[in-house]
Amino acid sequence: MLRLLAEVEGYEANSSVLQSALASFGHTMSRDSVHTELAWLAEQGLITSTPMVTIVVAKLTARGLDAAQGHATVPGVKRPGPGA
């Protein structure tokens, strides 16, 4: 999710868009699972999250961008591989 957010303009996307993008990469998740993951990422300070009626808007933080690019190590977040 961090890498997806790092690639979009404004570093921001809603949970529906993230769910669809993850599915296109073969990571099928329920909306509830996406919301749970976003809540955890927010607790770690990697994103900010704004709950709306049925979605959550996620915005990457500077720390989240560092983690997505492999410049920071965060327990529980896999570092990107070479060339990623």
C-alpha atoms as a PDB file:
ATOM      1  CA  MET A   1       0.000   0.000   0.000  1.00  0.00           C
ATOM      2  CA  LEU A   2       2.854   2.368   0.786  1.00  0.00           C
ATOM      3  CA  ARG A   3       4.390   1.820  -2.633  1.00  0.00           C
ATOM      4  CA  LEU A   4       1.023   2.419  -4.302  1.00  0.00           C
ATOM      5  CA  LEU A   5       0.562   5.673  -2.396  1.00  0.00           C
ATOM      6  CA  ALA A   6       4.122   6.715  -3.286  1.00  0.00           C
ATOM      7  CA  GLU A   7       3.247   6.430  -6.981  1.00  0.00           C
ATOM      8  CA  VAL A   8       0.020   8.462  -7.072  1.00  0.00           C
ATOM      9  CA  GLU A   9      -0.189  12.213  -7.471  1.00  0.00           C
ATOM     10  CA  GLY A  10      -0.549  13.899  -4.101  1.00  0.00           C
ATOM     11  CA  TYR A  11       0.437  10.651  -2.320  1.00  0.00           C
ATOM     12  CA  GLU A  12      -3.255  10.113  -1.521  1.00  0.00           C
ATOM     13  CA  ALA A  13      -5.889   7.504  -2.430  1.00  0.00           C
ATOM     14  CA  ASN A  14      -9.053   6.089  -0.949  1.00  0.00           C
ATOM     15  CA  SER A  15      -9.478   2.528   0.295  1.00  0.00           C
ATOM     16  CA  SER A  16     -11.606   1.529  -2.706  1.00  0.00           C
ATOM     17  CA  VAL A  17      -8.887   2.579  -5.156  1.00  0.00           C
ATOM     18  CA  LEU A  18      -6.231   0.841  -3.051  1.00  0.00           C
ATOM     19  CA  GLN A  19      -8.323  -2.340  -2.869  1.00  0.00           C
ATOM     20  CA  SER A  20      -8.682  -2.390  -6.678  1.00  0.00           C
ATOM     21  CA  ALA A  21      -4.986  -1.704  -7.232  1.00  0.00           C
ATOM     22  CA  LEU A  22      -3.990  -4.464  -4.814  1.00  0.00           C
ATOM     23  CA  ALA A  23      -6.337  -6.891  -6.578  1.00  0.00           C
ATOM     24  CA  SER A  24      -4.703  -6.054  -9.915  1.00  0.00           C
ATOM     25  CA  PHE A  25      -1.407  -7.238  -8.383  1.00  0.00           C
ATOM     26  CA  GLY A  26      -3.012 -10.452  -7.116  1.00  0.00           C
ATOM     27  CA  HIS A  27      -3.483  -9.278  -3.505  1.00  0.00           C
ATOM     28  CA  THR A  28      -7.212  -9.772  -3.103  1.00  0.00           C
ATOM     29  CA  MET A  29      -8.397  -8.273   0.190  1.00  0.00           C
ATOM     30  CA  SER A  30     -11.786  -7.444   1.662  1.00  0.00           C
ATOM     31  CA  ARG A  31     -12.604  -3.784   2.244  1.00  0.00           C
ATOM     32  CA  ASP A  32     -12.504  -4.501   5.987  1.00  0.00           C
ATOM     33  CA  SER A  33      -8.969  -5.917   5.670  1.00  0.00           C
ATOM     34  CA  VAL A  34      -7.840  -2.864   3.721  1.00  0.00           C
ATOM     35  CA  HIS A  35      -9.273  -0.598   6.431  1.00  0.00           C
ATOM     36  CA  THR A  36      -7.520  -2.647   9.133  1.00  0.00           C
ATOM     37  CA  GLU A  37      -4.175  -2.395   7.321  1.00  0.00           C
ATOM     38  CA  LEU A  38      -4.637   1.340   6.829  1.00  0.00           C
ATOM     39  CA  ALA A  39      -5.377   1.770  10.541  1.00  0.00           C
ATOM     40  CA  TRP A  40      -2.142  -0.072  11.403  1.00  0.00           C
ATOM     41  CA  LEU A  41      -0.122   2.018   8.950  1.00  0.00           C
ATOM     42  CA  ALA A  42      -1.603   5.159  10.526  1.00  0.00           C
ATOM     43  CA  GLU A  43      -0.663   3.933  14.020  1.00  0.00           C
ATOM     44  CA  GLN A  44       2.921   3.547  12.782  1.00  0.00           C
ATOM     45  CA  GLY A  45       2.933   7.116  11.458  1.00  0.00           C
ATOM     46  CA  LEU A  46       3.362   5.966   7.857  1.00  0.00           C
ATOM     47  CA  ILE A  47       0.078   7.431   6.595  1.00  0.00           C
ATOM     48  CA  THR A  48      -2.693   9.679   7.770  1.00  0.00           C
ATOM     49  CA  SER A  49      -6.188   8.292   7.429  1.00  0.00           C
ATOM     50  CA  THR A  50      -9.471  10.106   7.178  1.00  0.00           C
ATOM     51  CA  PRO A  51     -12.594   7.951   7.538  1.00  0.00           C
ATOM     52  CA  MET A  52     -15.462   8.923   5.263  1.00  0.00           C
ATOM     53  CA  VAL A  53     -18.882   7.277   5.067  1.00  0.00           C
ATOM     54  CA  THR A  54     -17.847   3.967   3.459  1.00  0.00           C
ATOM     55  CA  ILE A  55     -14.173   4.557   2.606  1.00  0.00           C
ATOM     56  CA  VAL A  56     -10.958   5.706   4.218  1.00  0.00           C
ATOM     57  CA  VAL A  57      -8.754   8.301   2.550  1.00  0.00           C
ATOM     58  CA  ALA A  58      -5.069   7.508   3.099  1.00  0.00           C
ATOM     59  CA  LYS A  59      -2.220   9.973   2.612  1.00  0.00           C
ATOM     60  CA  LEU A  60       1.424   8.995   2.767  1.00  0.00           C
ATOM     61  CA  THR A  61       3.592  10.747   5.353  1.00  0.00           C
ATOM     62  CA  ALA A  62       7.280  11.578   4.907  1.00  0.00           C
ATOM     63  CA  ARG A  63       8.130   8.570   7.090  1.00  0.00           C
ATOM     64  CA  GLY A  64       5.866   6.383   4.957  1.00  0.00           C
ATOM     65  CA  LEU A  65       7.578   7.574   1.785  1.00  0.00           C
ATOM     66  CA  ASP A  66      10.971   6.755   3.307  1.00  0.00           C
ATOM     67  CA  ALA A  67       9.722   3.244   4.170  1.00  0.00           C
ATOM     68  CA  ALA A  68       8.209   2.745   0.693  1.00  0.00           C
ATOM     69  CA  GLN A  69      11.501   3.701  -0.923  1.00  0.00           C
ATOM     70  CA  GLY A  70      13.582   1.540   1.420  1.00  0.00           C
ATOM     71  CA  HIS A  71      15.288   4.488   3.117  1.00  0.00           C
ATOM     72  CA  ALA A  72      13.786   3.651   6.515  1.00  0.00           C
ATOM     73  CA  THR A  73      13.248   0.315   8.200  1.00  0.00           C
ATOM     74  CA  VAL A  74       9.912  -0.146   9.949  1.00  0.00           C
ATOM     75  CA  PRO A  75       9.167  -3.391  11.833  1.00  0.00           C
ATOM     76  CA  GLY A  76       6.291  -5.135  10.081  1.00  0.00           C
ATOM     77  CA  VAL A  77       6.882  -3.408   6.738  1.00  0.00           C
ATOM     78  CA  LYS A  78       8.744  -5.303   4.067  1.00  0.00           C
ATOM     79  CA  ARG A  79      11.514  -3.359   2.381  1.00  0.00           C
ATOM     80  CA  PRO A  80      11.279  -3.082  -1.394  1.00  0.00           C
ATOM     81  CA  GLY A  81      13.475  -5.416  -3.376  1.00  0.00           C
ATOM     82  CA  PRO A  82      16.191  -4.304  -5.794  1.00  0.00           C
ATOM     83  CA  GLY A  83      14.807  -2.409  -8.749  1.00  0.00           C
ATOM     84  CA  ALA A  84      11.418  -1.905  -7.063  1.00  0.00           C
END
